[in-house]
């Protein structure tokens, strides 16, 4: 059975559990609340695939405040105004 990582929507406990692919999300073992599945990392790759891996990882990160977003080369957002620090 595969191992899945979960995050509690209430107490923010992060834990892993093993279950079949079709099983529903388990309740939090600490508080009993609902959980959501999380992906902690993408597989390592090299060359052109590394850029795709980096973009995939960024897409899984919490979204930033669009007003205070600092653009860096390759940030992947649709706005191209870069703020230099």
C-alpha atoms as a PDB file:
ATOM      1  CA  UNK A   1       0.000   0.000   0.000  1.00  0.00           C
ATOM      2  CA  UNK A   2       1.236   3.514  -0.769  1.00  0.00           C
ATOM      3  CA  UNK A   3       2.128   6.038   1.929  1.00  0.00           C
ATOM      4  CA  UNK A   4       0.350   9.402   1.844  1.00  0.00           C
ATOM      5  CA  UNK A   5       1.078  12.662   3.662  1.00  0.00           C
ATOM      6  CA  UNK A   6      -1.788  14.633   5.204  1.00  0.00           C
ATOM      7  CA  UNK A   7      -2.274  18.003   6.860  1.00  0.00           C
ATOM      8  CA  UNK A   8      -5.040  18.626   9.403  1.00  0.00           C
ATOM      9  CA  UNK A   9      -7.286  21.534   8.385  1.00  0.00           C
ATOM     10  CA  UNK A  10      -7.771  22.576  12.033  1.00  0.00           C
ATOM     11  CA  UNK A  11      -4.649  21.919  14.167  1.00  0.00           C
ATOM     12  CA  UNK A  12      -2.216  21.802  11.191  1.00  0.00           C
ATOM     13  CA  UNK A  13      -0.668  18.490  12.291  1.00  0.00           C
ATOM     14  CA  UNK A  14       1.252  16.931   9.417  1.00  0.00           C
ATOM     15  CA  UNK A  15       1.339  13.141   9.408  1.00  0.00           C
ATOM     16  CA  UNK A  16       1.655  10.185   7.059  1.00  0.00           C
ATOM     17  CA  UNK A  17      -0.388   7.029   6.751  1.00  0.00           C
ATOM     18  CA  UNK A  18      -0.608   4.002   4.494  1.00  0.00           C
ATOM     19  CA  UNK A  19      -3.841   3.019   2.786  1.00  0.00           C
ATOM     20  CA  UNK A  20      -5.230   1.928  -0.563  1.00  0.00           C
ATOM     21  CA  UNK A  21      -5.434   4.500  -3.331  1.00  0.00           C
ATOM     22  CA  UNK A  22      -9.253   4.642  -3.196  1.00  0.00           C
ATOM     23  CA  UNK A  23      -9.553   5.054   0.585  1.00  0.00           C
ATOM     24  CA  UNK A  24     -10.978   8.375   1.855  1.00  0.00           C
ATOM     25  CA  UNK A  25      -8.774  10.865   3.698  1.00  0.00           C
ATOM     26  CA  UNK A  26      -8.320   9.813   7.324  1.00  0.00           C
ATOM     27  CA  UNK A  27      -9.323  12.063  10.207  1.00  0.00           C
ATOM     28  CA  UNK A  28      -6.560  13.796  12.144  1.00  0.00           C
ATOM     29  CA  UNK A  29      -5.088  11.465  14.804  1.00  0.00           C
ATOM     30  CA  UNK A  30      -4.639  14.407  17.212  1.00  0.00           C
ATOM     31  CA  UNK A  31      -7.975  16.271  17.037  1.00  0.00           C
ATOM     32  CA  UNK A  32     -10.217  14.162  14.774  1.00  0.00           C
ATOM     33  CA  UNK A  33     -10.775  16.954  12.202  1.00  0.00           C
ATOM     34  CA  UNK A  34     -10.764  16.641   8.420  1.00  0.00           C
ATOM     35  CA  UNK A  35      -7.458  16.415   6.566  1.00  0.00           C
ATOM     36  CA  UNK A  36      -6.126  17.198   3.112  1.00  0.00           C
ATOM     37  CA  UNK A  37      -3.525  15.263   1.160  1.00  0.00           C
ATOM     38  CA  UNK A  38      -0.228  17.078   0.612  1.00  0.00           C
ATOM     39  CA  UNK A  39       2.707  16.454  -1.717  1.00  0.00           C
ATOM     40  CA  UNK A  40       5.974  17.181   0.049  1.00  0.00           C
ATOM     41  CA  UNK A  41       8.424  16.958  -2.835  1.00  0.00           C
ATOM     42  CA  UNK A  42       8.697  16.134  -6.494  1.00  0.00           C
ATOM     43  CA  UNK A  43      11.163  13.521  -7.731  1.00  0.00           C
ATOM     44  CA  UNK A  44      14.663  14.745  -8.528  1.00  0.00           C
ATOM     45  CA  UNK A  45      15.495  15.236 -12.207  1.00  0.00           C
ATOM     46  CA  UNK A  46      18.270  16.775 -14.291  1.00  0.00           C
ATOM     47  CA  UNK A  47      18.577  19.074 -17.306  1.00  0.00           C
ATOM     48  CA  UNK A  48      15.359  20.457 -18.808  1.00  0.00           C
ATOM     49  CA  UNK A  49      13.345  18.246 -16.470  1.00  0.00           C
ATOM     50  CA  UNK A  50      14.819  20.121 -13.480  1.00  0.00           C
ATOM     51  CA  UNK A  51      13.072  23.331 -14.563  1.00  0.00           C
ATOM     52  CA  UNK A  52       9.751  21.500 -14.704  1.00  0.00           C
ATOM     53  CA  UNK A  53      10.405  20.036 -11.260  1.00  0.00           C
ATOM     54  CA  UNK A  54      11.085  23.503  -9.833  1.00  0.00           C
ATOM     55  CA  UNK A  55       7.878  24.869 -11.364  1.00  0.00           C
ATOM     56  CA  UNK A  56       5.931  21.906 -10.003  1.00  0.00           C
ATOM     57  CA  UNK A  57       7.293  22.490  -6.509  1.00  0.00           C
ATOM     58  CA  UNK A  58       6.442  26.217  -6.699  1.00  0.00           C
ATOM     59  CA  UNK A  59       2.905  25.407  -7.826  1.00  0.00           C
ATOM     60  CA  UNK A  60       2.402  23.393  -4.633  1.00  0.00           C
ATOM     61  CA  UNK A  61       3.574  26.176  -2.327  1.00  0.00           C
ATOM     62  CA  UNK A  62       1.011  28.429  -0.615  1.00  0.00           C
ATOM     63  CA  UNK A  63       0.053  31.357  -2.817  1.00  0.00           C
ATOM     64  CA  UNK A  64       1.655  34.696  -1.995  1.00  0.00           C
ATOM     65  CA  UNK A  65      -0.035  38.044  -1.614  1.00  0.00           C
ATOM     66  CA  UNK A  66      -0.305  39.339  -5.240  1.00  0.00           C
ATOM     67  CA  UNK A  67       0.173  42.963  -4.157  1.00  0.00           C
ATOM     68  CA  UNK A  68       3.428  42.324  -2.276  1.00  0.00           C
ATOM     69  CA  UNK A  69       4.681  39.540  -4.561  1.00  0.00           C
ATOM     70  CA  UNK A  70       8.387  39.909  -5.363  1.00  0.00           C
ATOM     71  CA  UNK A  71       9.213  38.641  -8.836  1.00  0.00           C
ATOM     72  CA  UNK A  72      12.405  36.713  -9.373  1.00  0.00           C
ATOM     73  CA  UNK A  73      13.702  35.338 -12.657  1.00  0.00           C
ATOM     74  CA  UNK A  74      11.674  32.229 -13.481  1.00  0.00           C
ATOM     75  CA  UNK A  75       8.969  32.882 -10.858  1.00  0.00           C
ATOM     76  CA  UNK A  76       6.362  31.593 -13.302  1.00  0.00           C
ATOM     77  CA  UNK A  77       3.645  34.136 -12.602  1.00  0.00           C
ATOM     78  CA  UNK A  78       1.901  35.964 -15.403  1.00  0.00           C
ATOM     79  CA  UNK A  79       3.130  39.412 -14.363  1.00  0.00           C
ATOM     80  CA  UNK A  80       6.576  40.285 -15.706  1.00  0.00           C
ATOM     81  CA  UNK A  81       7.369  43.327 -13.598  1.00  0.00           C
ATOM     82  CA  UNK A  82      10.442  42.377 -11.550  1.00  0.00           C
ATOM     83  CA  UNK A  83      11.274  44.071  -8.277  1.00  0.00           C
ATOM     84  CA  UNK A  84      14.992  44.255  -7.582  1.00  0.00           C
ATOM     85  CA  UNK A  85      16.244  44.153  -4.006  1.00  0.00           C
END
